[in-house]
Amino acid sequence: MSTEIYINHPNFGLLYRLCVVEKNEELFTTLYAQRLFFKVIIQPQETIFEPLSRTEARLLVEAKLRRLRGNGEWEAYKQVNELYQRTFQ
């Protein structure tokens, strides 16, 4: 089952979620071009948009892949790896 999640950025409009990075941290990209990346930190009082370069976003996903592989979470690893291949290769 694929669940697409979107969030509205105050300046860049609709962003598409690529993956959850850590608890309360998610990686988003612009909907159409996928050239701008944001780490979105969701807190009870506010949502913080931290802009990332393509390289920083790629490194964030690579670190997530290493954690998943180290924990033996193979199904999640497969899904994130497919995302990685589609987005950064």
PDB file of N, CA and C in Angstrom:
ATOM      1  N   MET A   1       0.845  -1.180   0.000  1.00  0.00           N
ATOM      2  CA  MET A   1       0.000   0.000   0.000  1.00  0.00           C
ATOM      3  C   MET A   1       0.890   1.243   0.000  1.00  0.00           C
ATOM      4  N   SER A   2       0.643   2.146  -0.891  1.00  0.00           N
ATOM      5  CA  SER A   2       1.418   3.376  -0.991  1.00  0.00           C
ATOM      6  C   SER A   2       0.576   4.544  -0.497  1.00  0.00           C
ATOM      7  N   THR A   3       1.127   5.244   0.472  1.00  0.00           N
ATOM      8  CA  THR A   3       0.429   6.391   1.023  1.00  0.00           C
ATOM      9  C   THR A   3       1.242   7.638   0.695  1.00  0.00           C
ATOM     10  N   GLU A   4       0.678   8.496  -0.105  1.00  0.00           N
ATOM     11  CA  GLU A   4       1.364   9.733  -0.457  1.00  0.00           C
ATOM     12  C   GLU A   4       0.983  10.803   0.552  1.00  0.00           C
ATOM     13  N   ILE A   5       1.987  11.538   1.022  1.00  0.00           N
ATOM     14  CA  ILE A   5       1.756  12.581   2.011  1.00  0.00           C
ATOM     15  C   ILE A   5       2.331  13.887   1.469  1.00  0.00           C
ATOM     16  N   TYR A   6       1.560  14.939   1.621  1.00  0.00           N
ATOM     17  CA  TYR A   6       1.946  16.262   1.140  1.00  0.00           C
ATOM     18  C   TYR A   6       1.884  17.250   2.298  1.00  0.00           C
ATOM     19  N   ILE A   7       2.655  18.317   2.163  1.00  0.00           N
ATOM     20  CA  ILE A   7       2.620  19.405   3.137  1.00  0.00           C
ATOM     21  C   ILE A   7       2.791  20.706   2.364  1.00  0.00           C
ATOM     22  N   ASN A   8       2.204  21.763   2.858  1.00  0.00           N
ATOM     23  CA  ASN A   8       2.281  23.042   2.169  1.00  0.00           C
ATOM     24  C   ASN A   8       3.395  23.902   2.767  1.00  0.00           C
ATOM     25  N   HIS A   9       4.366  24.262   1.948  1.00  0.00           N
ATOM     26  CA  HIS A   9       5.452  25.160   2.355  1.00  0.00           C
ATOM     27  C   HIS A   9       4.985  26.587   2.121  1.00  0.00           C
ATOM     28  N   PRO A  10       5.285  27.502   3.043  1.00  0.00           N
ATOM     29  CA  PRO A  10       4.800  28.884   2.891  1.00  0.00           C
ATOM     30  C   PRO A  10       5.283  29.598   1.629  1.00  0.00           C
ATOM     31  N   ASN A  11       6.455  29.246   1.101  1.00  0.00           N
ATOM     32  CA  ASN A  11       6.989  29.912  -0.088  1.00  0.00           C
ATOM     33  C   ASN A  11       6.993  29.031  -1.339  1.00  0.00           C
ATOM     34  N   PHE A  12       7.225  27.739  -1.170  1.00  0.00           N
ATOM     35  CA  PHE A  12       7.410  26.856  -2.319  1.00  0.00           C
ATOM     36  C   PHE A  12       6.182  26.024  -2.656  1.00  0.00           C
ATOM     37  N   GLY A  13       5.109  26.191  -1.913  1.00  0.00           N
ATOM     38  CA  GLY A  13       3.881  25.474  -2.221  1.00  0.00           C
ATOM     39  C   GLY A  13       3.905  24.036  -1.754  1.00  0.00           C
ATOM     40  N   LEU A  14       3.267  23.184  -2.536  1.00  0.00           N
ATOM     41  CA  LEU A  14       3.075  21.798  -2.148  1.00  0.00           C
ATOM     42  C   LEU A  14       4.375  21.002  -2.216  1.00  0.00           C
ATOM     43  N   LEU A  15       4.692  20.304  -1.127  1.00  0.00           N
ATOM     44  CA  LEU A  15       5.852  19.430  -1.051  1.00  0.00           C
ATOM     45  C   LEU A  15       5.373  17.992  -0.898  1.00  0.00           C
ATOM     46  N   TYR A  16       6.148  17.070  -1.425  1.00  0.00           N
ATOM     47  CA  TYR A  16       5.832  15.645  -1.420  1.00  0.00           C
ATOM     48  C   TYR A  16       6.795  14.926  -0.478  1.00  0.00           C
ATOM     49  N   ARG A  17       6.262  14.074   0.407  1.00  0.00           N
ATOM     50  CA  ARG A  17       7.136  13.359   1.340  1.00  0.00           C
ATOM     51  C   ARG A  17       7.826  12.197   0.654  1.00  0.00           C
ATOM     52  N   LEU A  18       9.148  12.179   0.784  1.00  0.00           N
ATOM     53  CA  LEU A  18       9.934  11.062   0.271  1.00  0.00           C
ATOM     54  C   LEU A  18      10.002   9.944   1.299  1.00  0.00           C
ATOM     55  N   CYS A  19      10.367  10.288   2.553  1.00  0.00           N
ATOM     56  CA  CYS A  19      10.450   9.266   3.588  1.00  0.00           C
ATOM     57  C   CYS A  19      10.546   9.896   4.971  1.00  0.00           C
ATOM     58  N   VAL A  20      10.307   9.066   5.964  1.00  0.00           N
ATOM     59  CA  VAL A  20      10.526   9.459   7.356  1.00  0.00           C
ATOM     60  C   VAL A  20      11.998   9.223   7.633  1.00  0.00           C
ATOM     61  N   VAL A  21      12.668  10.238   8.179  1.00  0.00           N
ATOM     62  CA  VAL A  21      14.093  10.118   8.467  1.00  0.00           C
ATOM     63  C   VAL A  21      14.284   9.582   9.885  1.00  0.00           C
ATOM     64  N   GLU A  22      13.670  10.230  10.834  1.00  0.00           N
ATOM     65  CA  GLU A  22      13.687   9.821  12.226  1.00  0.00           C
ATOM     66  C   GLU A  22      12.362  10.244  12.835  1.00  0.00           C
ATOM     67  N   LYS A  23      12.182   9.957  14.109  1.00  0.00           N
ATOM     68  CA  LYS A  23      10.949  10.358  14.762  1.00  0.00           C
ATOM     69  C   LYS A  23      10.787  11.873  14.646  1.00  0.00           C
ATOM     70  N   ASN A  24       9.651  12.313  14.153  1.00  0.00           N
ATOM     71  CA  ASN A  24       9.307  13.726  13.964  1.00  0.00           C
ATOM     72  C   ASN A  24      10.146  14.428  12.896  1.00  0.00           C
ATOM     73  N   GLU A  25      10.911  13.700  12.096  1.00  0.00           N
ATOM     74  CA  GLU A  25      11.699  14.290  11.014  1.00  0.00           C
ATOM     75  C   GLU A  25      11.404  13.543   9.719  1.00  0.00           C
ATOM     76  N   GLU A  26      11.034  14.302   8.698  1.00  0.00           N
ATOM     77  CA  GLU A  26      10.696  13.699   7.412  1.00  0.00           C
ATOM     78  C   GLU A  26      11.392  14.456   6.296  1.00  0.00           C
ATOM     79  N   LEU A  27      11.679  13.770   5.201  1.00  0.00           N
ATOM     80  CA  LEU A  27      12.317  14.380   4.045  1.00  0.00           C
ATOM     81  C   LEU A  27      11.257  14.639   2.986  1.00  0.00           C
ATOM     82  N   PHE A  28      11.157  15.892   2.561  1.00  0.00           N
ATOM     83  CA  PHE A  28      10.200  16.303   1.541  1.00  0.00           C
ATOM     84  C   PHE A  28      10.947  16.920   0.366  1.00  0.00           C
ATOM     85  N   THR A  29      10.298  16.935  -0.778  1.00  0.00           N
ATOM     86  CA  THR A  29      10.836  17.590  -1.963  1.00  0.00           C
ATOM     87  C   THR A  29       9.708  18.335  -2.669  1.00  0.00           C
ATOM     88  N   THR A  30      10.078  19.261  -3.538  1.00  0.00           N
ATOM     89  CA  THR A  30       9.058  19.963  -4.303  1.00  0.00           C
ATOM     90  C   THR A  30       8.323  18.962  -5.178  1.00  0.00           C
ATOM     91  N   LEU A  31       7.071  19.197  -5.373  1.00  0.00           N
ATOM     92  CA  LEU A  31       6.188  18.216  -5.994  1.00  0.00           C
ATOM     93  C   LEU A  31       6.592  17.846  -7.418  1.00  0.00           C
ATOM     94  N   TYR A  32       6.879  18.813  -8.247  1.00  0.00           N
ATOM     95  CA  TYR A  32       7.086  18.520  -9.666  1.00  0.00           C
ATOM     96  C   TYR A  32       8.542  18.313 -10.044  1.00  0.00           C
ATOM     97  N   ALA A  33       9.404  19.247  -9.744  1.00  0.00           N
ATOM     98  CA  ALA A  33      10.776  19.160 -10.219  1.00  0.00           C
ATOM     99  C   ALA A  33      11.656  18.270  -9.341  1.00  0.00           C
ATOM    100  N   GLN A  34      11.315  18.082  -8.082  1.00  0.00           N
ATOM    101  CA  GLN A  34      12.127  17.354  -7.114  1.00  0.00           C
ATOM    102  C   GLN A  34      13.573  17.847  -7.125  1.00  0.00           C
ATOM    103  N   ARG A  35      13.707  19.166  -7.097  1.00  0.00           N
ATOM    104  CA  ARG A  35      15.042  19.766  -7.065  1.00  0.00           C
ATOM    105  C   ARG A  35      15.340  20.436  -5.739  1.00  0.00           C
ATOM    106  N   LEU A  36      14.314  20.820  -5.021  1.00  0.00           N
ATOM    107  CA  LEU A  36      14.502  21.415  -3.703  1.00  0.00           C
ATOM    108  C   LEU A  36      14.091  20.392  -2.653  1.00  0.00           C
ATOM    109  N   PHE A  37      14.931  20.240  -1.647  1.00  0.00           N
ATOM    110  CA  PHE A  37      14.657  19.264  -0.603  1.00  0.00           C
ATOM    111  C   PHE A  37      14.575  19.974   0.740  1.00  0.00           C
ATOM    112  N   PHE A  38      13.743  19.420   1.626  1.00  0.00           N
ATOM    113  CA  PHE A  38      13.562  19.991   2.956  1.00  0.00           C
ATOM    114  C   PHE A  38      13.477  18.871   3.975  1.00  0.00           C
ATOM    115  N   LYS A  39      14.209  19.039   5.080  1.00  0.00           N
ATOM    116  CA  LYS A  39      13.971  18.186   6.229  1.00  0.00           C
ATOM    117  C   LYS A  39      12.918  18.923   7.047  1.00  0.00           C
ATOM    118  N   VAL A  40      11.799  18.276   7.250  1.00  0.00           N
ATOM    119  CA  VAL A  40      10.688  18.895   7.974  1.00  0.00           C
ATOM    120  C   VAL A  40      10.652  18.292   9.367  1.00  0.00           C
ATOM    121  N   ILE A  41      10.776  19.161  10.357  1.00  0.00           N
ATOM    122  CA  ILE A  41      10.744  18.748  11.758  1.00  0.00           C
ATOM    123  C   ILE A  41       9.392  19.158  12.313  1.00  0.00           C
ATOM    124  N   ILE A  42       8.626  18.162  12.727  1.00  0.00           N
ATOM    125  CA  ILE A  42       7.268  18.414  13.195  1.00  0.00           C
ATOM    126  C   ILE A  42       7.265  18.409  14.720  1.00  0.00           C
ATOM    127  N   GLN A  43       6.931  19.560  15.281  1.00  0.00           N
ATOM    128  CA  GLN A  43       6.852  19.720  16.729  1.00  0.00           C
ATOM    129  C   GLN A  43       5.428  20.121  17.085  1.00  0.00           C
ATOM    130  N   PRO A  44       5.028  19.915  18.336  1.00  0.00           N
ATOM    131  CA  PRO A  44       3.646  20.256  18.718  1.00  0.00           C
ATOM    132  C   PRO A  44       3.281  21.723  18.448  1.00  0.00           C
ATOM    133  N   GLN A  45       4.203  22.632  18.626  1.00  0.00           N
ATOM    134  CA  GLN A  45       3.909  24.048  18.474  1.00  0.00           C
ATOM    135  C   GLN A  45       4.163  24.591  17.074  1.00  0.00           C
ATOM    136  N   GLU A  46       5.030  23.921  16.319  1.00  0.00           N
ATOM    137  CA  GLU A  46       5.400  24.461  15.004  1.00  0.00           C
ATOM    138  C   GLU A  46       5.961  23.380  14.093  1.00  0.00           C
ATOM    139  N   THR A  47       6.051  23.710  12.824  1.00  0.00           N
ATOM    140  CA  THR A  47       6.698  22.863  11.827  1.00  0.00           C
ATOM    141  C   THR A  47       7.882  23.641  11.271  1.00  0.00           C
ATOM    142  N   ILE A  48       9.052  23.024  11.309  1.00  0.00           N
ATOM    143  CA  ILE A  48      10.277  23.683  10.853  1.00  0.00           C
ATOM    144  C   ILE A  48      10.688  23.083   9.518  1.00  0.00           C
ATOM    145  N   PHE A  49      10.908  23.935   8.531  1.00  0.00           N
ATOM    146  CA  PHE A  49      11.379  23.528   7.212  1.00  0.00           C
ATOM    147  C   PHE A  49      12.866  23.847   7.124  1.00  0.00           C
ATOM    148  N   GLU A  50      13.708  22.830   7.088  1.00  0.00           N
ATOM    149  CA  GLU A  50      15.145  23.029   6.971  1.00  0.00           C
ATOM    150  C   GLU A  50      15.558  22.706   5.538  1.00  0.00           C
ATOM    151  N   PRO A  51      15.932  23.712   4.745  1.00  0.00           N
ATOM    152  CA  PRO A  51      16.309  23.435   3.352  1.00  0.00           C
ATOM    153  C   PRO A  51      17.595  22.618   3.283  1.00  0.00           C
ATOM    154  N   LEU A  52      17.639  21.694   2.344  1.00  0.00           N
ATOM    155  CA  LEU A  52      18.805  20.835   2.137  1.00  0.00           C
ATOM    156  C   LEU A  52      19.204  20.865   0.672  1.00  0.00           C
ATOM    157  N   SER A  53      20.486  20.717   0.431  1.00  0.00           N
ATOM    158  CA  SER A  53      20.934  20.542  -0.953  1.00  0.00           C
ATOM    159  C   SER A  53      20.605  19.107  -1.381  1.00  0.00           C
ATOM    160  N   ARG A  54      20.697  18.853  -2.650  1.00  0.00           N
ATOM    161  CA  ARG A  54      20.461  17.498  -3.155  1.00  0.00           C
ATOM    162  C   ARG A  54      21.441  16.516  -2.509  1.00  0.00           C
ATOM    163  N   THR A  55      22.686  16.931  -2.360  1.00  0.00           N
ATOM    164  CA  THR A  55      23.710  16.081  -1.744  1.00  0.00           C
ATOM    165  C   THR A  55      23.374  15.786  -0.287  1.00  0.00           C
ATOM    166  N   GLU A  56      22.956  16.808   0.463  1.00  0.00           N
ATOM    167  CA  GLU A  56      22.588  16.605   1.866  1.00  0.00           C
ATOM    168  C   GLU A  56      21.396  15.655   1.988  1.00  0.00           C
ATOM    169  N   ALA A  57      20.414  15.814   1.116  1.00  0.00           N
ATOM    170  CA  ALA A  57      19.247  14.935   1.134  1.00  0.00           C
ATOM    171  C   ALA A  57      19.658  13.500   0.806  1.00  0.00           C
ATOM    172  N   ARG A  58      20.530  13.340  -0.167  1.00  0.00           N
ATOM    173  CA  ARG A  58      21.017  12.003  -0.539  1.00  0.00           C
ATOM    174  C   ARG A  58      21.746  11.360   0.635  1.00  0.00           C
ATOM    175  N   LEU A  59      22.585  12.121   1.319  1.00  0.00           N
ATOM    176  CA  LEU A  59      23.320  11.594   2.471  1.00  0.00           C
ATOM    177  C   LEU A  59      22.381  11.202   3.606  1.00  0.00           C
ATOM    178  N   LEU A  60      21.311  11.971   3.785  1.00  0.00           N
ATOM    179  CA  LEU A  60      20.313  11.666   4.807  1.00  0.00           C
ATOM    180  C   LEU A  60      19.637  10.320   4.510  1.00  0.00           C
ATOM    181  N   VAL A  61      19.300  10.092   3.255  1.00  0.00           N
ATOM    182  CA  VAL A  61      18.659   8.831   2.869  1.00  0.00           C
ATOM    183  C   VAL A  61      19.665   7.686   2.970  1.00  0.00           C
ATOM    184  N   GLU A  62      20.914   7.913   2.605  1.00  0.00           N
ATOM    185  CA  GLU A  62      21.932   6.867   2.724  1.00  0.00           C
ATOM    186  C   GLU A  62      22.131   6.462   4.182  1.00  0.00           C
ATOM    187  N   ALA A  63      22.121   7.428   5.090  1.00  0.00           N
ATOM    188  CA  ALA A  63      22.241   7.128   6.524  1.00  0.00           C
ATOM    189  C   ALA A  63      21.042   6.310   6.998  1.00  0.00           C
ATOM    190  N   LYS A  64      19.862   6.646   6.501  1.00  0.00           N
ATOM    191  CA  LYS A  64      18.652   5.882   6.843  1.00  0.00           C
ATOM    192  C   LYS A  64      18.789   4.446   6.345  1.00  0.00           C
ATOM    193  N   LEU A  65      19.293   4.270   5.136  1.00  0.00           N
ATOM    194  CA  LEU A  65      19.490   2.925   4.592  1.00  0.00           C
ATOM    195  C   LEU A  65      20.467   2.119   5.457  1.00  0.00           C
ATOM    196  N   ARG A  66      21.549   2.754   5.904  1.00  0.00           N
ATOM    197  CA  ARG A  66      22.516   2.064   6.763  1.00  0.00           C
ATOM    198  C   ARG A  66      21.872   1.629   8.077  1.00  0.00           C
ATOM    199  N   ARG A  67      21.050   2.512   8.672  1.00  0.00           N
ATOM    200  CA  ARG A  67      20.369   2.166   9.931  1.00  0.00           C
ATOM    201  C   ARG A  67      19.417   0.985   9.726  1.00  0.00           C
ATOM    202  N   LEU A  68      18.646   1.034   8.650  1.00  0.00           N
ATOM    203  CA  LEU A  68      17.698  -0.049   8.385  1.00  0.00           C
ATOM    204  C   LEU A  68      18.409  -1.377   8.157  1.00  0.00           C
ATOM    205  N   ARG A  69      19.498  -1.332   7.395  1.00  0.00           N
ATOM    206  CA  ARG A  69      20.267  -2.549   7.117  1.00  0.00           C
ATOM    207  C   ARG A  69      20.887  -3.087   8.412  1.00  0.00           C
ATOM    208  N   GLY A  70      21.416  -2.190   9.231  1.00  0.00           N
ATOM    209  CA  GLY A  70      22.018  -2.595  10.506  1.00  0.00           C
ATOM    210  C   GLY A  70      21.018  -3.201  11.470  1.00  0.00           C
ATOM    211  N   ASN A  71      19.777  -2.733  11.410  1.00  0.00           N
ATOM    212  CA  ASN A  71      18.720  -3.249  12.289  1.00  0.00           C
ATOM    213  C   ASN A  71      18.003  -4.455  11.698  1.00  0.00           C
ATOM    214  N   GLY A  72      18.353  -4.819  10.462  1.00  0.00           N
ATOM    215  CA  GLY A  72      17.720  -5.963   9.826  1.00  0.00           C
ATOM    216  C   GLY A  72      16.279  -5.708   9.390  1.00  0.00           C
ATOM    217  N   GLU A  73      15.936  -4.456   9.172  1.00  0.00           N
ATOM    218  CA  GLU A  73      14.576  -4.100   8.734  1.00  0.00           C
ATOM    219  C   GLU A  73      14.527  -4.139   7.210  1.00  0.00           C
ATOM    220  N   TRP A  74      14.464  -5.353   6.661  1.00  0.00           N
ATOM    221  CA  TRP A  74      14.659  -5.550   5.230  1.00  0.00           C
ATOM    222  C   TRP A  74      13.522  -5.023   4.364  1.00  0.00           C
ATOM    223  N   GLU A  75      12.292  -5.135   4.818  1.00  0.00           N
ATOM    224  CA  GLU A  75      11.168  -4.630   4.024  1.00  0.00           C
ATOM    225  C   GLU A  75      11.239  -3.106   3.909  1.00  0.00           C
ATOM    226  N   ALA A  76      11.492  -2.437   5.024  1.00  0.00           N
ATOM    227  CA  ALA A  76      11.634  -0.973   5.008  1.00  0.00           C
ATOM    228  C   ALA A  76      12.859  -0.578   4.180  1.00  0.00           C
ATOM    229  N   TYR A  77      13.944  -1.361   4.306  1.00  0.00           N
ATOM    230  CA  TYR A  77      15.159  -1.097   3.535  1.00  0.00           C
ATOM    231  C   TYR A  77      14.851  -1.141   2.042  1.00  0.00           C
ATOM    232  N   LYS A  78      14.106  -2.158   1.630  1.00  0.00           N
ATOM    233  CA  LYS A  78      13.768  -2.303   0.209  1.00  0.00           C
ATOM    234  C   LYS A  78      12.989  -1.089  -0.298  1.00  0.00           C
ATOM    235  N   GLN A  79      12.012  -0.630   0.481  1.00  0.00           N
ATOM    236  CA  GLN A  79      11.199   0.519   0.084  1.00  0.00           C
ATOM    237  C   GLN A  79      12.036   1.794  -0.013  1.00  0.00           C
ATOM    238  N   VAL A  80      12.879   2.038   0.988  1.00  0.00           N
ATOM    239  CA  VAL A  80      13.700   3.252   0.983  1.00  0.00           C
ATOM    240  C   VAL A  80      14.750   3.170  -0.118  1.00  0.00           C
ATOM    241  N   ASN A  81      15.274   1.984  -0.371  1.00  0.00           N
ATOM    242  CA  ASN A  81      16.260   1.827  -1.444  1.00  0.00           C
ATOM    243  C   ASN A  81      15.641   2.118  -2.809  1.00  0.00           C
ATOM    244  N   GLU A  82      14.399   1.674  -3.024  1.00  0.00           N
ATOM    245  CA  GLU A  82      13.705   1.990  -4.280  1.00  0.00           C
ATOM    246  C   GLU A  82      13.522   3.498  -4.427  1.00  0.00           C
ATOM    247  N   LEU A  83      13.149   4.156  -3.341  1.00  0.00           N
ATOM    248  CA  LEU A  83      13.021   5.616  -3.347  1.00  0.00           C
ATOM    249  C   LEU A  83      14.366   6.259  -3.689  1.00  0.00           C
ATOM    250  N   TYR A  84      15.423   5.759  -3.061  1.00  0.00           N
ATOM    251  CA  TYR A  84      16.767   6.280  -3.296  1.00  0.00           C
ATOM    252  C   TYR A  84      17.139   6.153  -4.775  1.00  0.00           C
ATOM    253  N   GLN A  85      16.897   4.990  -5.348  1.00  0.00           N
ATOM    254  CA  GLN A  85      17.237   4.766  -6.756  1.00  0.00           C
ATOM    255  C   GLN A  85      16.448   5.705  -7.666  1.00  0.00           C
ATOM    256  N   ARG A  86      15.159   5.869  -7.397  1.00  0.00           N
ATOM    257  CA  ARG A  86      14.300   6.741  -8.211  1.00  0.00           C
ATOM    258  C   ARG A  86      14.697   8.210  -8.110  1.00  0.00           C
ATOM    259  N   THR A  87      15.098   8.625  -6.926  1.00  0.00           N
ATOM    260  CA  THR A  87      15.322  10.047  -6.667  1.00  0.00           C
ATOM    261  C   THR A  87      16.757  10.496  -6.951  1.00  0.00           C
ATOM    262  N   PHE A  88      17.723   9.669  -6.608  1.00  0.00           N
ATOM    263  CA  PHE A  88      19.121  10.132  -6.634  1.00  0.00           C
ATOM    264  C   PHE A  88      19.992   9.437  -7.669  1.00  0.00           C
ATOM    265  N   GLN A  89      19.479   8.485  -8.425  1.00  0.00           N
ATOM    266  CA  GLN A  89      20.303   7.803  -9.420  1.00  0.00           C
ATOM    267  C   GLN A  89      20.006   8.286 -10.814  1.00  0.00           C
TER     268      GLN A  89
END
